[in-house]
Amino acid sequence: MKKVVRLGAGSGFWGDAMDPAVELLERGELDYLCFDFLAELTMALLQRQKLKNPQMGYVPDAVTYMNAMLKTARDRGTKLISNGGGVNPRAAAERIAEGARAAGLQGTRIALVEGDDLLHKLDDLIAQRVPMVNMDTGDSDFAAIRSRVVSANVYTDSTGIVEGLAGGADVVIAGRVSDNAVYVGPLAHEFGWARDAAHVNRFASAVTLGHIVECAAACTGGMSSRFAEMPNMGRVGFPIVEFSADGSAEVTKLAGTGGRVDLFTIKEHLVYEIADPRSYLMPDAVADFTSLKLEQAGEDRVRVSGITGRPAPDMLKLVVGYQDGWIGESMAFFPWPNAFDRAVKARQTMLERFERMGLEASQVHFDFIGVNMLHGPGAPKPDPAVANQLPEVGLRCAVRTRTAEEADKVRRAGSHLWIMGPGGTSFGTPMKPRPVISLWPTLIPRSFVEQKTEILVS
């Protein structure tokens, strides 16, 4: 058993930069390079892709990254772990196997982890009277959206990842495991943790460290309240975790890379997207963030220790995506002088066009870009005398409708401003209507979830 396991954070989201991950792989002397690609809405978007093409439904970056890095990873003995399988881990694993064969890397072992997709089990859950209460709204009428459901994925633990690594996998590609499971799995495998009372704090520590680094550059200076102090963020270094057998760890990054690792960058991400810091509920364990101790252990190096927690919860989070209407959107920009007055006039003109066109909408929303777009109702009421001195003001209109045909009226009304609107108005390309996918998060018993792991060999 290793005394220290080195894990690198290769991605924090679908679309993250690849070059810091490549740099980690080449210089980091890593045991594992771990990639988090998923957000809650991502699964619904990927399910829509899969419905159009059964060979899709995975995060394209997951395949591109794995195939680009596989030879270097094999040469250095680094294993690649990813949740980029989305709603189709099998197709992703097959594409990676094809890439390995094309690169002459025969014998590469790719583990695919399935079991998080419960779309086919929804009616069984309903039949067994699982409450399916919306965690955000308290709404219990799941039947009202059942016919519009497009995805249903449960946050699973690292069990399948551990099984894949035990099977000798060089690459593990999973679906909706929890974000930190891509880090917990390698640690549980390397240290041989059993899922018993003796190892609860070890799992809680792995969950905590996974949470700290799962968004990659977010703990090396990204999104920091001290953004002005962060050096060379365009060349930022992604984090490395050096995890010890006793459950303590040090977070660092490669020398010479941009960004920073200090007590505050770690603290800033530790409190990111959490509710009760004493009870960070994850499928592998419940971590108590108030138990840990942070120490600056050197330049760009923070030690994390003392983490405690509780056993994994009996209930798991299921996120259901469902079709919820359409959005029509338009955008235009107006120049000085009197830019704000021009935008106000354009809003009035669009509302009159909506009335003439008989628009049927549940919501009509306008933002004045440069005035109140980010702060919305929290922005102070604009003083026209001040706002009219701005060099330019934009007007964004977003409308929620039941059908694509109604949403398209917004595009048309926006284009009417080309001649009906104030002089000097500037436009981008008219935007096509897009479907709205809303989320219904709920809790279900763990007993409904069964992970399956299979090894493909290139």
Protein backbone atom coordinates (compact mmCIF):
# COMPACT_ATOMS: atom_id res chain seq x y z
CA MET A 1 0.00 0.00 0.00
CA LYS A 2 1.30 3.45 -0.93
CA LYS A 3 2.01 5.98 1.80
CA VAL A 4 1.04 8.94 -0.42
CA VAL A 5 -1.16 9.03 -3.52
CA ARG A 6 -0.79 11.95 -5.96
CA LEU A 7 -3.93 13.02 -7.78
CA GLY A 8 -4.25 15.89 -10.26
CA ALA A 9 -7.40 17.83 -11.09
CA GLY A 10 -7.70 17.73 -14.88
CA SER A 11 -10.96 19.62 -15.38
CA GLY A 12 -13.60 21.52 -13.46
CA PHE A 13 -16.35 21.59 -16.08
CA TRP A 14 -17.25 20.69 -19.66
CA GLY A 15 -15.25 23.21 -21.71
CA ASP A 16 -12.38 23.71 -19.26
CA ALA A 17 -8.87 24.27 -20.64
CA MET A 18 -6.92 21.14 -21.57
CA ASP A 19 -3.38 22.58 -21.49
CA PRO A 20 -3.13 22.79 -17.65
CA ALA A 21 -4.17 19.12 -17.48
CA VAL A 22 -1.55 18.14 -20.06
CA GLU A 23 1.02 20.10 -18.06
CA LEU A 24 0.04 18.20 -14.92
CA LEU A 25 0.30 14.88 -16.72
CA GLU A 26 3.73 15.65 -18.17
CA ARG A 27 5.31 17.20 -15.07
CA GLY A 28 3.21 16.19 -12.09
CA GLU A 29 4.40 12.61 -11.44
CA LEU A 30 0.78 11.70 -10.84
CA ASP A 31 -0.78 8.40 -9.90
CA TYR A 32 -4.16 9.63 -11.15
CA LEU A 33 -5.47 12.51 -13.24
CA CYS A 34 -9.16 13.12 -12.50
CA PHE A 35 -11.70 14.98 -14.60
CA ASP A 36 -15.04 16.45 -13.50
CA PHE A 37 -17.10 17.45 -16.55
CA LEU A 38 -20.68 17.48 -15.28
CA ALA A 39 -23.19 19.99 -13.94
CA GLU A 40 -26.80 19.21 -13.00
CA LEU A 41 -28.29 20.54 -16.23
CA THR A 42 -25.63 18.78 -18.34
CA MET A 43 -27.31 15.39 -17.99
CA ALA A 44 -30.60 16.63 -19.47
CA LEU A 45 -28.77 18.28 -22.38
CA LEU A 46 -26.79 15.09 -23.04
CA GLN A 47 -29.97 12.99 -22.88
CA ARG A 48 -31.50 15.16 -25.60
CA GLN A 49 -28.42 14.51 -27.75
CA LYS A 50 -28.72 10.77 -27.16
CA LEU A 51 -32.40 10.78 -28.16
CA LYS A 52 -31.37 12.28 -31.50
CA ASN A 53 -28.38 9.97 -31.93
CA PRO A 54 -27.98 6.82 -29.77
CA GLN A 55 -24.20 7.02 -30.22
CA MET A 56 -24.06 10.41 -28.49
CA GLY A 57 -24.88 11.48 -24.94
CA TYR A 58 -21.36 11.67 -23.53
CA VAL A 59 -19.24 14.80 -23.02
CA PRO A 60 -17.16 15.15 -26.22
CA ASP A 61 -14.26 16.63 -24.23
CA ALA A 62 -14.03 13.42 -22.21
CA VAL A 63 -13.19 11.39 -25.31
CA THR A 64 -10.99 14.09 -26.85
CA TYR A 65 -8.98 14.55 -23.64
CA MET A 66 -8.58 10.85 -22.91
CA ASN A 67 -7.42 10.07 -26.43
CA ALA A 68 -5.03 13.04 -26.47
CA MET A 69 -3.44 12.09 -23.15
CA LEU A 70 -3.59 8.32 -23.17
CA LYS A 71 -0.12 7.61 -24.55
CA THR A 72 1.59 9.99 -22.14
CA ALA A 73 -0.49 8.60 -19.28
CA ARG A 74 0.47 5.02 -20.16
CA ASP A 75 4.13 6.00 -20.43
CA ARG A 76 4.07 7.66 -17.00
CA GLY A 77 1.87 5.13 -15.24
CA THR A 78 -0.91 7.65 -14.62
CA LYS A 79 -4.50 6.46 -14.66
CA LEU A 80 -7.26 8.70 -16.04
CA ILE A 81 -10.61 8.96 -14.20
CA SER A 82 -13.60 10.86 -15.62
CA ASN A 83 -17.36 11.31 -15.18
CA GLY A 84 -17.62 12.49 -18.80
CA GLY A 85 -19.59 9.43 -19.85
CA GLY A 86 -22.69 11.49 -19.15
CA VAL A 87 -25.77 9.49 -20.10
CA ASN A 88 -23.84 7.18 -22.43
CA PRO A 89 -20.65 5.90 -20.75
CA ARG A 90 -20.60 2.86 -23.02
CA ALA A 91 -20.36 4.92 -26.20
CA ALA A 92 -17.65 7.08 -24.62
CA ALA A 93 -15.67 4.01 -23.58
CA GLU A 94 -15.96 2.55 -27.08
CA ARG A 95 -14.67 5.79 -28.64
CA ILE A 96 -11.72 5.80 -26.22
CA ALA A 97 -10.95 2.17 -27.06
CA GLU A 98 -11.02 3.05 -30.78
CA GLY A 99 -8.65 5.95 -30.13
CA ALA A 100 -6.29 3.68 -28.20
CA ARG A 101 -6.18 1.16 -31.04
CA ALA A 102 -5.57 3.92 -33.58
CA ALA A 103 -2.64 5.14 -31.47
CA GLY A 104 -1.14 1.66 -31.29
CA LEU A 105 -2.01 1.29 -27.60
CA GLN A 106 -3.46 -2.20 -27.83
CA GLY A 107 -4.26 -3.74 -24.46
CA THR A 108 -5.45 -0.49 -22.89
CA ARG A 109 -8.14 -1.31 -20.34
CA ILE A 110 -11.12 1.06 -20.19
CA ALA A 111 -13.63 0.64 -17.37
CA LEU A 112 -17.13 1.94 -17.98
CA VAL A 113 -19.35 2.56 -14.97
CA GLU A 114 -23.13 2.53 -15.47
CA GLY A 115 -26.16 2.51 -13.19
CA ASP A 116 -26.85 6.18 -12.51
CA ASP A 117 -29.44 6.50 -15.30
CA LEU A 118 -32.83 5.76 -13.73
CA LEU A 119 -35.04 7.00 -16.56
CA HIS A 120 -36.34 3.47 -17.06
CA LYS A 121 -37.06 3.10 -13.31
CA LEU A 122 -39.20 6.21 -12.80
CA ASP A 123 -42.52 4.40 -13.12
CA ASP A 124 -41.30 1.74 -10.69
CA LEU A 125 -40.40 4.47 -8.20
CA ILE A 126 -43.86 5.98 -8.63
CA ALA A 127 -45.55 2.57 -8.29
CA GLN A 128 -43.68 1.95 -5.03
CA ARG A 129 -44.87 5.32 -3.72
CA VAL A 130 -41.46 6.93 -3.38
CA PRO A 131 -42.48 10.55 -2.56
CA MET A 132 -40.35 12.26 -5.28
CA VAL A 133 -40.75 15.65 -3.56
CA ASN A 134 -38.96 18.53 -5.30
CA MET A 135 -36.13 19.51 -2.93
CA ASP A 136 -36.09 23.11 -4.15
CA THR A 137 -39.81 23.93 -4.17
CA GLY A 138 -41.48 21.33 -1.95
CA ASP A 139 -43.81 20.38 -4.82
CA SER A 140 -44.94 16.75 -4.55
CA ASP A 141 -46.98 16.53 -7.78
CA PHE A 142 -44.38 14.66 -9.82
CA ALA A 143 -47.14 13.22 -12.01
CA ALA A 144 -47.68 16.69 -13.49
CA ILE A 145 -44.28 16.57 -15.22
CA ARG A 146 -43.91 12.81 -15.80
CA SER A 147 -44.87 12.93 -19.49
CA ARG A 148 -42.27 15.66 -20.16
CA VAL A 149 -39.29 13.98 -18.48
CA VAL A 150 -36.15 13.63 -20.62
CA SER A 151 -33.56 12.51 -18.05
CA ALA A 152 -33.26 11.05 -14.56
CA ASN A 153 -29.80 10.56 -13.12
CA VAL A 154 -28.84 9.79 -9.56
CA TYR A 155 -25.63 10.91 -7.89
CA THR A 156 -23.78 7.65 -7.23
CA ASP A 157 -20.72 6.88 -5.12
CA SER A 158 -17.26 5.70 -6.11
CA THR A 159 -17.98 1.96 -5.86
CA GLY A 160 -17.92 1.43 -9.63
CA ILE A 161 -14.68 3.39 -10.01
CA VAL A 162 -13.03 1.24 -7.33
CA GLU A 163 -14.22 -1.90 -9.10
CA GLY A 164 -12.85 -0.67 -12.42
CA LEU A 165 -9.44 0.09 -10.91
CA ALA A 166 -9.40 -3.28 -9.19
CA GLY A 167 -9.91 -4.74 -12.67
CA GLY A 168 -6.71 -3.09 -13.87
CA ALA A 169 -8.28 -0.18 -15.74
CA ASP A 170 -5.99 2.42 -17.30
CA VAL A 171 -9.01 4.68 -17.88
CA VAL A 172 -12.30 4.86 -15.98
CA ILE A 173 -15.26 6.58 -17.66
CA ALA A 174 -18.40 6.99 -15.55
CA GLY A 175 -21.73 8.75 -15.73
CA ARG A 176 -23.30 10.81 -12.93
CA VAL A 177 -21.07 9.83 -10.06
CA SER A 178 -20.70 12.67 -7.59
CA ASP A 179 -18.12 15.27 -8.56
CA ASN A 180 -15.74 14.22 -5.79
CA ALA A 181 -16.19 10.48 -6.46
CA VAL A 182 -13.58 10.67 -9.23
CA TYR A 183 -11.09 11.43 -6.41
CA VAL A 184 -12.61 9.22 -3.69
CA GLY A 185 -12.51 6.12 -5.92
CA PRO A 186 -8.75 6.10 -6.56
CA LEU A 187 -8.03 6.72 -2.86
CA ALA A 188 -10.38 3.97 -1.67
CA HIS A 189 -8.73 1.61 -4.17
CA GLU A 190 -5.13 2.50 -3.32
CA PHE A 191 -5.59 2.39 0.46
CA GLY A 192 -7.99 -0.57 0.47
CA TRP A 193 -10.70 1.14 2.49
CA ALA A 194 -13.71 -0.91 3.45
CA ARG A 195 -17.08 0.81 3.69
CA ASP A 196 -17.29 0.30 7.44
CA ALA A 197 -17.19 2.33 10.63
CA ALA A 198 -13.39 2.12 10.82
CA HIS A 199 -12.98 4.03 7.56
CA VAL A 200 -15.74 6.65 7.81
CA ASN A 201 -13.32 9.49 8.51
CA ARG A 202 -11.05 8.39 5.65
CA PHE A 203 -13.98 8.59 3.22
CA ALA A 204 -15.02 11.93 4.71
CA SER A 205 -11.49 13.23 4.18
CA ALA A 206 -11.44 12.02 0.57
CA VAL A 207 -14.83 13.67 -0.05
CA THR A 208 -13.53 16.94 1.41
CA LEU A 209 -10.32 16.98 -0.63
CA GLY A 210 -12.30 16.03 -3.72
CA HIS A 211 -14.63 18.96 -3.07
CA ILE A 212 -11.71 21.36 -2.65
CA VAL A 213 -10.11 20.50 -6.00
CA GLU A 214 -13.05 19.31 -8.14
CA CYS A 215 -13.38 22.69 -9.88
CA ALA A 216 -9.66 22.69 -10.77
CA ALA A 217 -8.46 26.33 -10.97
CA ALA A 218 -11.16 27.41 -8.52
CA CYS A 219 -8.78 26.54 -5.67
CA THR A 220 -5.64 27.89 -7.35
CA GLY A 221 -6.87 31.45 -7.76
CA GLY A 222 -9.89 31.22 -10.03
CA MET A 223 -13.10 32.96 -8.92
CA SER A 224 -11.15 34.44 -6.02
CA SER A 225 -12.30 37.55 -4.18
CA ARG A 226 -8.60 38.50 -4.42
CA PHE A 227 -8.61 38.20 -8.21
CA ALA A 228 -6.38 41.26 -8.61
CA GLU A 229 -3.60 39.52 -6.66
CA MET A 230 -3.60 36.32 -8.68
CA PRO A 231 -0.62 36.12 -11.07
CA ASN A 232 -0.76 34.85 -14.66
CA MET A 233 -4.22 33.27 -14.49
CA GLY A 234 -4.10 32.60 -18.23
CA ARG A 235 -1.31 30.13 -17.39
CA VAL A 236 -2.90 28.91 -14.16
CA GLY A 237 -1.77 25.64 -12.63
CA PHE A 238 -4.43 23.07 -11.80
CA PRO A 239 -4.23 21.61 -8.28
CA ILE A 240 -2.47 18.47 -7.09
CA VAL A 241 -3.55 16.51 -4.00
CA GLU A 242 -0.92 14.52 -2.11
CA PHE A 243 -3.12 12.28 0.03
CA SER A 244 -1.56 10.32 2.90
CA ALA A 245 -2.72 7.02 4.38
CA ASP A 246 -3.71 8.72 7.66
CA GLY A 247 -6.34 10.84 5.85
CA SER A 248 -4.36 14.07 5.81
CA ALA A 249 -3.37 15.71 2.54
CA GLU A 250 -1.51 18.61 0.99
CA VAL A 251 -2.85 20.67 -1.90
CA THR A 252 -0.31 22.24 -4.23
CA LYS A 253 0.38 23.02 -7.90
CA LEU A 254 3.28 22.83 -10.31
CA ALA A 255 6.14 25.29 -9.83
CA GLY A 256 6.17 28.08 -12.39
CA THR A 257 2.45 27.95 -13.16
CA GLY A 258 0.04 30.83 -12.64
CA GLY A 259 -2.35 31.34 -9.79
CA ARG A 260 -1.77 30.62 -6.13
CA VAL A 261 -2.46 28.03 -3.45
CA ASP A 262 -2.85 29.48 0.03
CA LEU A 263 -5.19 29.27 3.00
CA PHE A 264 -7.69 31.64 1.43
CA THR A 265 -7.87 30.03 -2.02
CA ILE A 266 -8.59 26.72 -0.25
CA LYS A 267 -11.15 28.29 2.10
CA GLU A 268 -12.89 30.07 -0.76
CA HIS A 269 -13.57 26.83 -2.57
CA LEU A 270 -14.24 24.86 0.60
CA VAL A 271 -17.40 26.96 1.16
CA TYR A 272 -18.41 26.93 -2.52
CA GLU A 273 -21.81 25.35 -3.24
CA ILE A 274 -22.40 23.98 0.25
CA ALA A 275 -25.29 24.24 2.69
CA ASP A 276 -24.54 23.01 6.23
CA PRO A 277 -20.73 22.89 6.63
CA ARG A 278 -21.15 20.31 9.40
CA SER A 279 -23.05 18.00 7.09
CA TYR A 280 -21.72 17.91 3.53
CA LEU A 281 -23.85 15.07 2.19
CA MET A 282 -22.26 12.99 -0.55
CA PRO A 283 -22.93 9.44 -1.72
CA ASP A 284 -19.60 8.19 -0.28
CA ALA A 285 -19.78 9.89 3.14
CA VAL A 286 -21.02 12.91 5.07
CA ALA A 287 -18.13 15.26 5.77
CA ASP A 288 -17.87 17.80 8.60
CA PHE A 289 -15.98 20.77 7.20
CA THR A 290 -15.83 22.40 10.64
CA SER A 291 -13.58 19.59 11.88
CA LEU A 292 -10.65 20.19 9.57
CA LYS A 293 -7.42 22.08 10.18
CA LEU A 294 -5.65 24.11 7.47
CA GLU A 295 -1.96 25.02 7.60
CA GLN A 296 0.26 26.83 5.11
CA ALA A 297 2.92 24.17 4.59
CA GLY A 298 5.10 26.08 2.14
CA GLU A 299 4.86 28.22 -0.97
CA ASP A 300 1.73 27.19 -2.90
CA ARG A 301 1.16 24.33 -0.49
CA VAL A 302 -1.64 23.90 2.08
CA ARG A 303 -2.00 20.98 4.49
CA VAL A 304 -5.51 19.72 5.28
CA SER A 305 -5.98 17.41 8.27
CA GLY A 306 -8.27 16.33 11.09
CA ILE A 307 -11.35 15.72 8.94
CA THR A 308 -14.18 13.71 10.46
CA GLY A 309 -17.57 12.66 9.18
CA ARG A 310 -20.43 10.21 9.22
CA PRO A 311 -21.38 7.16 7.12
CA ALA A 312 -22.87 7.54 3.66
CA PRO A 313 -26.56 8.54 3.66
CA ASP A 314 -29.35 6.05 2.91
CA MET A 315 -30.97 8.49 0.47
CA LEU A 316 -29.37 9.64 -2.79
CA LYS A 317 -30.08 12.72 -4.86
CA LEU A 318 -31.93 12.08 -8.13
CA VAL A 319 -32.04 14.95 -10.62
CA VAL A 320 -34.86 14.72 -13.16
CA GLY A 321 -34.79 16.93 -16.24
CA TYR A 322 -38.04 17.77 -17.99
CA GLN A 323 -39.23 19.87 -20.93
CA ASP A 324 -40.60 23.14 -19.64
CA GLY A 325 -41.46 25.35 -22.60
CA TRP A 326 -39.33 27.58 -24.81
CA ILE A 327 -37.27 30.76 -24.59
CA GLY A 328 -37.26 33.44 -27.24
CA GLU A 329 -34.50 36.00 -26.96
CA SER A 330 -33.25 39.17 -28.66
CA MET A 331 -30.47 41.65 -28.07
CA ALA A 332 -29.68 45.12 -29.39
CA PHE A 333 -27.26 47.93 -28.50
CA PHE A 334 -27.75 51.68 -28.54
CA PRO A 335 -25.12 54.44 -28.76
CA TRP A 336 -24.55 57.77 -27.04
CA PRO A 337 -26.05 60.34 -26.95
CA ASN A 338 -29.14 59.37 -24.96
CA ALA A 339 -28.30 55.64 -25.13
CA PHE A 340 -30.56 54.79 -22.20
CA ASP A 341 -33.55 56.67 -23.64
CA ARG A 342 -33.05 54.83 -26.93
CA ALA A 343 -33.11 51.48 -25.09
CA VAL A 344 -36.27 52.45 -23.19
CA LYS A 345 -37.94 53.43 -26.46
CA ALA A 346 -36.91 50.12 -28.01
CA ARG A 347 -38.45 48.22 -25.09
CA GLN A 348 -41.73 50.10 -25.58
CA THR A 349 -41.61 49.33 -29.31
CA MET A 350 -41.08 45.60 -28.70
CA LEU A 351 -43.95 45.43 -26.22
CA GLU A 352 -46.22 47.07 -28.78
CA ARG A 353 -45.05 44.55 -31.39
CA PHE A 354 -45.77 41.67 -28.99
CA GLU A 355 -49.32 43.00 -28.56
CA ARG A 356 -49.86 43.31 -32.32
CA MET A 357 -48.42 39.82 -32.91
CA GLY A 358 -50.61 38.26 -30.21
CA LEU A 359 -47.69 36.86 -28.25
CA GLU A 360 -48.72 34.28 -25.64
CA ALA A 361 -46.07 34.20 -22.94
CA SER A 362 -45.83 33.25 -19.29
CA GLN A 363 -42.87 35.61 -18.69
CA VAL A 364 -41.52 38.67 -20.49
CA HIS A 365 -38.23 40.00 -19.17
CA PHE A 366 -36.04 42.94 -20.18
CA ASP A 367 -32.49 43.77 -19.06
CA PHE A 368 -30.65 47.02 -19.71
CA ILE A 369 -27.10 45.82 -20.33
CA GLY A 370 -24.63 48.08 -18.55
CA VAL A 371 -27.34 49.27 -16.15
CA ASN A 372 -29.09 46.39 -14.37
CA MET A 373 -28.45 43.10 -16.21
CA LEU A 374 -26.36 41.46 -13.47
CA HIS A 375 -28.06 42.88 -10.38
CA GLY A 376 -31.65 42.85 -11.64
CA PRO A 377 -34.09 44.10 -8.99
CA GLY A 378 -31.15 44.77 -6.66
CA ALA A 379 -29.76 47.45 -8.98
CA PRO A 380 -30.61 51.05 -8.11
CA LYS A 381 -33.27 52.60 -10.28
CA PRO A 382 -31.39 54.21 -13.17
CA ASP A 383 -31.22 57.98 -13.25
CA PRO A 384 -31.81 58.83 -16.94
CA ALA A 385 -29.58 61.90 -16.69
CA VAL A 386 -26.69 59.65 -15.62
CA ALA A 387 -27.56 56.61 -17.74
CA ASN A 388 -27.81 58.75 -20.87
CA GLN A 389 -24.15 59.68 -20.47
CA LEU A 390 -23.08 56.07 -20.89
CA PRO A 391 -21.26 55.41 -24.19
CA GLU A 392 -23.64 52.56 -24.95
CA VAL A 393 -26.53 50.59 -23.44
CA GLY A 394 -27.83 47.19 -24.49
CA LEU A 395 -31.35 45.82 -24.35
CA ARG A 396 -31.89 42.10 -23.84
CA CYS A 397 -35.37 40.61 -24.06
CA ALA A 398 -36.12 37.05 -22.92
CA VAL A 399 -39.59 35.55 -23.13
CA ARG A 400 -40.90 32.21 -21.81
CA THR A 401 -43.55 30.48 -23.95
CA ARG A 402 -45.23 27.10 -24.30
CA THR A 403 -44.29 26.57 -27.93
CA ALA A 404 -41.40 27.22 -30.29
CA GLU A 405 -43.75 29.13 -32.62
CA GLU A 406 -44.59 31.65 -29.90
CA ALA A 407 -40.95 31.97 -28.87
CA ASP A 408 -39.98 32.74 -32.47
CA LYS A 409 -42.11 35.89 -32.31
CA VAL A 410 -39.44 37.40 -30.06
CA ARG A 411 -36.78 36.90 -32.72
CA ARG A 412 -39.05 38.49 -35.29
CA ALA A 413 -39.99 41.44 -33.05
CA GLY A 414 -36.30 41.99 -32.30
CA SER A 415 -35.50 42.12 -36.00
CA HIS A 416 -38.33 44.64 -36.51
CA LEU A 417 -36.22 47.10 -34.51
CA TRP A 418 -33.78 47.17 -37.41
CA ILE A 419 -36.01 49.82 -38.99
CA MET A 420 -38.70 50.53 -36.39
CA GLY A 421 -36.14 51.17 -33.67
CA PRO A 422 -34.06 54.22 -32.73
CA GLY A 423 -31.34 55.43 -35.08
CA GLY A 424 -27.89 53.98 -34.49
CA THR A 425 -29.22 50.66 -33.17
CA SER A 426 -26.75 47.77 -33.55
CA PHE A 427 -27.62 44.09 -33.70
CA GLY A 428 -26.10 40.67 -33.60
CA THR A 429 -27.42 37.60 -35.39
CA PRO A 430 -31.10 36.96 -34.53
CA MET A 431 -31.39 34.16 -31.96
CA LYS A 432 -33.39 31.02 -32.62
CA PRO A 433 -35.86 29.81 -29.98
CA ARG A 434 -34.43 27.22 -27.62
CA PRO A 435 -36.18 24.65 -25.44
CA VAL A 436 -36.19 25.03 -21.67
CA ILE A 437 -35.10 22.06 -19.59
CA SER A 438 -36.04 22.47 -15.94
CA LEU A 439 -34.77 20.32 -13.09
CA TRP A 440 -36.67 18.40 -10.44
CA PRO A 441 -34.19 17.36 -7.72
CA THR A 442 -35.45 14.76 -5.26
CA LEU A 443 -34.26 12.02 -2.91
CA ILE A 444 -34.67 8.28 -3.41
CA PRO A 445 -33.59 5.25 -1.38
CA ARG A 446 -30.11 3.98 -2.21
CA SER A 447 -31.61 0.49 -2.64
CA PHE A 448 -32.98 1.50 -6.07
CA VAL A 449 -29.46 2.14 -7.39
CA GLU A 450 -27.14 -0.58 -8.73
CA GLN A 451 -23.83 0.31 -10.35
CA LYS A 452 -22.36 -1.92 -13.03
CA THR A 453 -18.73 -1.90 -14.18
CA GLU A 454 -17.38 -3.46 -17.35
CA ILE A 455 -13.84 -3.51 -18.77
CA LEU A 456 -13.26 -2.92 -22.47
CA VAL A 457 -9.84 -3.79 -23.92
CA SER A 458 -8.49 -1.94 -26.92
